[in-house]
Amino acid sequence: MIEKISSILGFNEKDARRMQRVIDDLSSVSGFEKDEILDFLRYGSEKELKELNENYNWEKFRIQIQKKLVKR
């Protein structure tokens, strides 16, 4: 999964591992499959990914994505 995250989102290995943990957390909270969350991140969260690149606040990022996923 780490290689997939790296290739899709362009993260280095360290950040891909962090993203994998975020995806795991989101999957258990939202009930979505991990691949579904990765697709959502790819196509539905450009703003949040940009903010993450700017402020590197992983907890804020996870909360923002969680709110978007649970709304659906």
PDB file of N, CA and C in Angstrom:
ATOM      1  N   MET A   1       0.839  -1.201   0.000  1.00  0.00           N
ATOM      2  CA  MET A   1       0.000   0.000   0.000  1.00  0.00           C
ATOM      3  C   MET A   1       0.878   1.258   0.000  1.00  0.00           C
ATOM      4  N   ILE A   2       2.040   1.192   0.638  1.00  0.00           N
ATOM      5  CA  ILE A   2       2.915   2.363   0.721  1.00  0.00           C
ATOM      6  C   ILE A   2       3.372   2.792  -0.667  1.00  0.00           C
ATOM      7  N   GLU A   3       3.728   1.807  -1.506  1.00  0.00           N
ATOM      8  CA  GLU A   3       4.155   2.133  -2.869  1.00  0.00           C
ATOM      9  C   GLU A   3       3.020   2.776  -3.658  1.00  0.00           C
ATOM     10  N   LYS A   4       1.814   2.271  -3.441  1.00  0.00           N
ATOM     11  CA  LYS A   4       0.637   2.816  -4.125  1.00  0.00           C
ATOM     12  C   LYS A   4       0.384   4.267  -3.703  1.00  0.00           C
ATOM     13  N   ILE A   5       0.490   4.534  -2.415  1.00  0.00           N
ATOM     14  CA  ILE A   5       0.305   5.894  -1.905  1.00  0.00           C
ATOM     15  C   ILE A   5       1.374   6.815  -2.484  1.00  0.00           C
ATOM     16  N   SER A   6       2.610   6.337  -2.501  1.00  0.00           N
ATOM     17  CA  SER A   6       3.711   7.149  -3.036  1.00  0.00           C
ATOM     18  C   SER A   6       3.491   7.501  -4.495  1.00  0.00           C
ATOM     19  N   SER A   7       3.073   6.503  -5.276  1.00  0.00           N
ATOM     20  CA  SER A   7       2.912   6.762  -6.712  1.00  0.00           C
ATOM     21  C   SER A   7       1.690   7.630  -7.005  1.00  0.00           C
ATOM     22  N   ILE A   8       0.616   7.444  -6.265  1.00  0.00           N
ATOM     23  CA  ILE A   8      -0.610   8.197  -6.532  1.00  0.00           C
ATOM     24  C   ILE A   8      -0.523   9.627  -6.003  1.00  0.00           C
ATOM     25  N   LEU A   9      -0.022   9.782  -4.774  1.00  0.00           N
ATOM     26  CA  LEU A   9      -0.021  11.098  -4.135  1.00  0.00           C
ATOM     27  C   LEU A   9       1.335  11.791  -4.190  1.00  0.00           C
ATOM     28  N   GLY A  10       2.360  11.088  -4.643  1.00  0.00           N
ATOM     29  CA  GLY A  10       3.675  11.692  -4.789  1.00  0.00           C
ATOM     30  C   GLY A  10       4.399  11.921  -3.476  1.00  0.00           C
ATOM     31  N   PHE A  11       4.128  11.091  -2.475  1.00  0.00           N
ATOM     32  CA  PHE A  11       4.770  11.232  -1.174  1.00  0.00           C
ATOM     33  C   PHE A  11       6.054  10.430  -1.117  1.00  0.00           C
ATOM     34  N   ASN A  12       6.995  10.887  -0.279  1.00  0.00           N
ATOM     35  CA  ASN A  12       8.179  10.074  -0.015  1.00  0.00           C
ATOM     36  C   ASN A  12       7.777   8.933   0.926  1.00  0.00           C
ATOM     37  N   GLU A  13       8.704   8.021   1.199  1.00  0.00           N
ATOM     38  CA  GLU A  13       8.353   6.828   1.974  1.00  0.00           C
ATOM     39  C   GLU A  13       7.860   7.165   3.384  1.00  0.00           C
ATOM     40  N   LYS A  14       8.510   8.110   4.032  1.00  0.00           N
ATOM     41  CA  LYS A  14       8.113   8.505   5.391  1.00  0.00           C
ATOM     42  C   LYS A  14       6.675   9.043   5.411  1.00  0.00           C
ATOM     43  N   ASP A  15       6.383   9.948   4.486  1.00  0.00           N
ATOM     44  CA  ASP A  15       5.037  10.523   4.439  1.00  0.00           C
ATOM     45  C   ASP A  15       4.005   9.496   3.975  1.00  0.00           C
ATOM     46  N   ALA A  16       4.410   8.590   3.104  1.00  0.00           N
ATOM     47  CA  ALA A  16       3.495   7.534   2.658  1.00  0.00           C
ATOM     48  C   ALA A  16       3.120   6.626   3.826  1.00  0.00           C
ATOM     49  N   ARG A  17       4.074   6.355   4.705  1.00  0.00           N
ATOM     50  CA  ARG A  17       3.771   5.549   5.902  1.00  0.00           C
ATOM     51  C   ARG A  17       2.811   6.298   6.829  1.00  0.00           C
ATOM     52  N   ARG A  18       3.025   7.584   6.974  1.00  0.00           N
ATOM     53  CA  ARG A  18       2.103   8.384   7.803  1.00  0.00           C
ATOM     54  C   ARG A  18       0.703   8.392   7.176  1.00  0.00           C
ATOM     55  N   MET A  19       0.651   8.549   5.863  1.00  0.00           N
ATOM     56  CA  MET A  19      -0.640   8.548   5.176  1.00  0.00           C
ATOM     57  C   MET A  19      -1.322   7.188   5.312  1.00  0.00           C
ATOM     58  N   GLN A  20      -0.544   6.119   5.284  1.00  0.00           N
ATOM     59  CA  GLN A  20      -1.133   4.793   5.454  1.00  0.00           C
ATOM     60  C   GLN A  20      -1.795   4.678   6.832  1.00  0.00           C
ATOM     61  N   ARG A  21      -1.153   5.218   7.857  1.00  0.00           N
ATOM     62  CA  ARG A  21      -1.756   5.201   9.195  1.00  0.00           C
ATOM     63  C   ARG A  21      -3.037   6.028   9.225  1.00  0.00           C
ATOM     64  N   VAL A  22      -3.027   7.171   8.553  1.00  0.00           N
ATOM     65  CA  VAL A  22      -4.238   8.005   8.477  1.00  0.00           C
ATOM     66  C   VAL A  22      -5.347   7.245   7.763  1.00  0.00           C
ATOM     67  N   ILE A  23      -5.007   6.593   6.659  1.00  0.00           N
ATOM     68  CA  ILE A  23      -6.004   5.822   5.902  1.00  0.00           C
ATOM     69  C   ILE A  23      -6.540   4.676   6.745  1.00  0.00           C
ATOM     70  N   ASP A  24      -5.677   3.989   7.479  1.00  0.00           N
ATOM     71  CA  ASP A  24      -6.128   2.909   8.370  1.00  0.00           C
ATOM     72  C   ASP A  24      -7.117   3.441   9.406  1.00  0.00           C
ATOM     73  N   ASP A  25      -6.790   4.571  10.023  1.00  0.00           N
ATOM     74  CA  ASP A  25      -7.685   5.182  11.017  1.00  0.00           C
ATOM     75  C   ASP A  25      -9.019   5.564  10.389  1.00  0.00           C
ATOM     76  N   LEU A  26      -8.953   6.190   9.226  1.00  0.00           N
ATOM     77  CA  LEU A  26     -10.178   6.622   8.553  1.00  0.00           C
ATOM     78  C   LEU A  26     -11.038   5.435   8.147  1.00  0.00           C
ATOM     79  N   SER A  27     -10.414   4.354   7.744  1.00  0.00           N
ATOM     80  CA  SER A  27     -11.145   3.164   7.348  1.00  0.00           C
ATOM     81  C   SER A  27     -11.918   2.579   8.528  1.00  0.00           C
ATOM     82  N   SER A  28     -11.282   2.516   9.678  1.00  0.00           N
ATOM     83  CA  SER A  28     -11.971   1.953  10.845  1.00  0.00           C
ATOM     84  C   SER A  28     -13.083   2.864  11.351  1.00  0.00           C
ATOM     85  N   VAL A  29     -12.911   4.179  11.219  1.00  0.00           N
ATOM     86  CA  VAL A  29     -13.926   5.122  11.696  1.00  0.00           C
ATOM     87  C   VAL A  29     -15.098   5.225  10.720  1.00  0.00           C
ATOM     88  N   SER A  30     -14.791   5.304   9.425  1.00  0.00           N
ATOM     89  CA  SER A  30     -15.835   5.582   8.432  1.00  0.00           C
ATOM     90  C   SER A  30     -16.485   4.339   7.858  1.00  0.00           C
ATOM     91  N   GLY A  31     -15.780   3.200   7.901  1.00  0.00           N
ATOM     92  CA  GLY A  31     -16.322   1.985   7.300  1.00  0.00           C
ATOM     93  C   GLY A  31     -15.990   1.843   5.829  1.00  0.00           C
ATOM     94  N   PHE A  32     -15.306   2.814   5.246  1.00  0.00           N
ATOM     95  CA  PHE A  32     -14.888   2.724   3.856  1.00  0.00           C
ATOM     96  C   PHE A  32     -13.666   1.818   3.737  1.00  0.00           C
ATOM     97  N   GLU A  33     -13.526   1.167   2.592  1.00  0.00           N
ATOM     98  CA  GLU A  33     -12.324   0.381   2.316  1.00  0.00           C
ATOM     99  C   GLU A  33     -11.141   1.324   2.128  1.00  0.00           C
ATOM    100  N   LYS A  34      -9.944   0.823   2.372  1.00  0.00           N
ATOM    101  CA  LYS A  34      -8.742   1.648   2.257  1.00  0.00           C
ATOM    102  C   LYS A  34      -8.544   2.164   0.835  1.00  0.00           C
ATOM    103  N   ASP A  35      -8.814   1.336  -0.168  1.00  0.00           N
ATOM    104  CA  ASP A  35      -8.683   1.779  -1.563  1.00  0.00           C
ATOM    105  C   ASP A  35      -9.695   2.865  -1.904  1.00  0.00           C
ATOM    106  N   GLU A  36     -10.891   2.770  -1.319  1.00  0.00           N
ATOM    107  CA  GLU A  36     -11.901   3.801  -1.542  1.00  0.00           C
ATOM    108  C   GLU A  36     -11.444   5.135  -0.956  1.00  0.00           C
ATOM    109  N   ILE A  37     -10.832   5.085   0.209  1.00  0.00           N
ATOM    110  CA  ILE A  37     -10.335   6.313   0.836  1.00  0.00           C
ATOM    111  C   ILE A  37      -9.196   6.900   0.022  1.00  0.00           C
ATOM    112  N   LEU A  38      -8.308   6.042  -0.478  1.00  0.00           N
ATOM    113  CA  LEU A  38      -7.207   6.529  -1.304  1.00  0.00           C
ATOM    114  C   LEU A  38      -7.743   7.192  -2.574  1.00  0.00           C
ATOM    115  N   ASP A  39      -8.749   6.595  -3.197  1.00  0.00           N
ATOM    116  CA  ASP A  39      -9.371   7.214  -4.373  1.00  0.00           C
ATOM    117  C   ASP A  39     -10.003   8.557  -4.007  1.00  0.00           C
ATOM    118  N   PHE A  40     -10.656   8.614  -2.844  1.00  0.00           N
ATOM    119  CA  PHE A  40     -11.249   9.865  -2.398  1.00  0.00           C
ATOM    120  C   PHE A  40     -10.173  10.926  -2.202  1.00  0.00           C
ATOM    121  N   LEU A  41      -9.059  10.542  -1.588  1.00  0.00           N
ATOM    122  CA  LEU A  41      -7.970  11.494  -1.386  1.00  0.00           C
ATOM    123  C   LEU A  41      -7.439  11.989  -2.723  1.00  0.00           C
ATOM    124  N   ARG A  42      -7.380  11.108  -3.663  1.00  0.00           N
ATOM    125  CA  ARG A  42      -6.848  11.442  -4.988  1.00  0.00           C
ATOM    126  C   ARG A  42      -7.741  12.433  -5.721  1.00  0.00           C
ATOM    127  N   TYR A  43      -9.055  12.232  -5.641  1.00  0.00           N
ATOM    128  CA  TYR A  43      -9.973  13.023  -6.461  1.00  0.00           C
ATOM    129  C   TYR A  43     -10.837  14.017  -5.692  1.00  0.00           C
ATOM    130  N   GLY A  44     -10.931  13.892  -4.369  1.00  0.00           N
ATOM    131  CA  GLY A  44     -11.867  14.737  -3.648  1.00  0.00           C
ATOM    132  C   GLY A  44     -11.279  15.564  -2.530  1.00  0.00           C
ATOM    133  N   SER A  45      -9.967  15.614  -2.455  1.00  0.00           N
ATOM    134  CA  SER A  45      -9.397  16.345  -1.320  1.00  0.00           C
ATOM    135  C   SER A  45      -8.155  17.143  -1.706  1.00  0.00           C
ATOM    136  N   GLU A  46      -8.213  17.762  -2.860  1.00  0.00           N
ATOM    137  CA  GLU A  46      -7.061  18.545  -3.330  1.00  0.00           C
ATOM    138  C   GLU A  46      -6.722  19.672  -2.350  1.00  0.00           C
ATOM    139  N   LYS A  47      -7.749  20.346  -1.859  1.00  0.00           N
ATOM    140  CA  LYS A  47      -7.543  21.474  -0.939  1.00  0.00           C
ATOM    141  C   LYS A  47      -6.852  21.005   0.341  1.00  0.00           C
ATOM    142  N   GLU A  48      -7.322  19.892   0.896  1.00  0.00           N
ATOM    143  CA  GLU A  48      -6.755  19.380   2.141  1.00  0.00           C
ATOM    144  C   GLU A  48      -5.318  18.900   1.945  1.00  0.00           C
ATOM    145  N   LEU A  49      -5.038  18.274   0.805  1.00  0.00           N
ATOM    146  CA  LEU A  49      -3.667  17.831   0.529  1.00  0.00           C
ATOM    147  C   LEU A  49      -2.728  19.021   0.371  1.00  0.00           C
ATOM    148  N   LYS A  50      -3.234  20.081  -0.248  1.00  0.00           N
ATOM    149  CA  LYS A  50      -2.413  21.281  -0.394  1.00  0.00           C
ATOM    150  C   LYS A  50      -2.099  21.885   0.973  1.00  0.00           C
ATOM    151  N   GLU A  51      -3.118  21.946   1.839  1.00  0.00           N
ATOM    152  CA  GLU A  51      -2.904  22.460   3.195  1.00  0.00           C
ATOM    153  C   GLU A  51      -1.914  21.591   3.965  1.00  0.00           C
ATOM    154  N   LEU A  52      -2.009  20.281   3.790  1.00  0.00           N
ATOM    155  CA  LEU A  52      -1.083  19.372   4.460  1.00  0.00           C
ATOM    156  C   LEU A  52       0.350  19.644   4.013  1.00  0.00           C
ATOM    157  N   ASN A  53       0.541  19.883   2.733  1.00  0.00           N
ATOM    158  CA  ASN A  53       1.878  20.187   2.227  1.00  0.00           C
ATOM    159  C   ASN A  53       2.401  21.510   2.785  1.00  0.00           C
ATOM    160  N   GLU A  54       1.507  22.445   3.059  1.00  0.00           N
ATOM    161  CA  GLU A  54       1.909  23.751   3.571  1.00  0.00           C
ATOM    162  C   GLU A  54       2.204  23.728   5.072  1.00  0.00           C
ATOM    163  N   ASN A  55       1.323  23.093   5.856  1.00  0.00           N
ATOM    164  CA  ASN A  55       1.476  23.177   7.316  1.00  0.00           C
ATOM    165  C   ASN A  55       1.922  21.873   7.973  1.00  0.00           C
ATOM    166  N   TYR A  56       1.901  20.767   7.250  1.00  0.00           N
ATOM    167  CA  TYR A  56       2.351  19.459   7.731  1.00  0.00           C
ATOM    168  C   TYR A  56       1.657  19.054   9.031  1.00  0.00           C
ATOM    169  N   ASN A  57       0.384  19.413   9.147  1.00  0.00           N
ATOM    170  CA  ASN A  57      -0.407  19.089  10.333  1.00  0.00           C
ATOM    171  C   ASN A  57      -1.273  17.868  10.013  1.00  0.00           C
ATOM    172  N   TRP A  58      -0.756  16.693  10.346  1.00  0.00           N
ATOM    173  CA  TRP A  58      -1.423  15.443   9.980  1.00  0.00           C
ATOM    174  C   TRP A  58      -2.727  15.247  10.727  1.00  0.00           C
ATOM    175  N   GLU A  59      -2.793  15.666  11.965  1.00  0.00           N
ATOM    176  CA  GLU A  59      -4.020  15.492  12.746  1.00  0.00           C
ATOM    177  C   GLU A  59      -5.151  16.342  12.170  1.00  0.00           C
ATOM    178  N   LYS A  60      -4.857  17.574  11.826  1.00  0.00           N
ATOM    179  CA  LYS A  60      -5.871  18.440  11.209  1.00  0.00           C
ATOM    180  C   LYS A  60      -6.335  17.837   9.883  1.00  0.00           C
ATOM    181  N   PHE A  61      -5.390  17.324   9.102  1.00  0.00           N
ATOM    182  CA  PHE A  61      -5.726  16.697   7.820  1.00  0.00           C
ATOM    183  C   PHE A  61      -6.672  15.510   8.034  1.00  0.00           C
ATOM    184  N   ARG A  62      -6.348  14.639   8.996  1.00  0.00           N
ATOM    185  CA  ARG A  62      -7.170  13.455   9.246  1.00  0.00           C
ATOM    186  C   ARG A  62      -8.583  13.860   9.661  1.00  0.00           C
ATOM    187  N   ILE A  63      -8.682  14.854  10.507  1.00  0.00           N
ATOM    188  CA  ILE A  63      -9.992  15.311  10.968  1.00  0.00           C
ATOM    189  C   ILE A  63     -10.806  15.892   9.820  1.00  0.00           C
ATOM    190  N   GLN A  64     -10.173  16.687   8.953  1.00  0.00           N
ATOM    191  CA  GLN A  64     -10.884  17.268   7.804  1.00  0.00           C
ATOM    192  C   GLN A  64     -11.417  16.175   6.883  1.00  0.00           C
ATOM    193  N   ILE A  65     -10.589  15.191   6.589  1.00  0.00           N
ATOM    194  CA  ILE A  65     -11.012  14.112   5.694  1.00  0.00           C
ATOM    195  C   ILE A  65     -12.092  13.269   6.360  1.00  0.00           C
ATOM    196  N   GLN A  66     -11.946  13.005   7.632  1.00  0.00           N
ATOM    197  CA  GLN A  66     -12.939  12.223   8.366  1.00  0.00           C
ATOM    198  C   GLN A  66     -14.302  12.911   8.297  1.00  0.00           C
ATOM    199  N   LYS A  67     -14.324  14.210   8.493  1.00  0.00           N
ATOM    200  CA  LYS A  67     -15.591  14.949   8.432  1.00  0.00           C
ATOM    201  C   LYS A  67     -16.224  14.832   7.048  1.00  0.00           C
ATOM    202  N   LYS A  68     -15.392  14.918   6.009  1.00  0.00           N
ATOM    203  CA  LYS A  68     -15.921  14.809   4.646  1.00  0.00           C
ATOM    204  C   LYS A  68     -16.456  13.413   4.356  1.00  0.00           C
ATOM    205  N   LEU A  69     -15.770  12.390   4.842  1.00  0.00           N
ATOM    206  CA  LEU A  69     -16.202  11.014   4.589  1.00  0.00           C
ATOM    207  C   LEU A  69     -17.465  10.664   5.352  1.00  0.00           C
ATOM    208  N   VAL A  70     -17.566  11.112   6.588  1.00  0.00           N
ATOM    209  CA  VAL A  70     -18.727  10.765   7.405  1.00  0.00           C
ATOM    210  C   VAL A  70     -19.972  11.482   6.918  1.00  0.00           C
ATOM    211  N   LYS A  71     -19.801  12.667   6.310  1.00  0.00           N
ATOM    212  CA  LYS A  71     -20.929  13.429   5.762  1.00  0.00           C
ATOM    213  C   LYS A  71     -21.630  12.668   4.659  1.00  0.00           C
ATOM    214  N   ARG A  72     -20.855  11.936   3.875  1.00  0.00           N
ATOM    215  CA  ARG A  72     -21.388  11.288   2.675  1.00  0.00           C
ATOM    216  C   ARG A  72     -22.326  10.183   2.964  1.00  0.00           C
TER     217      ARG A  72
END
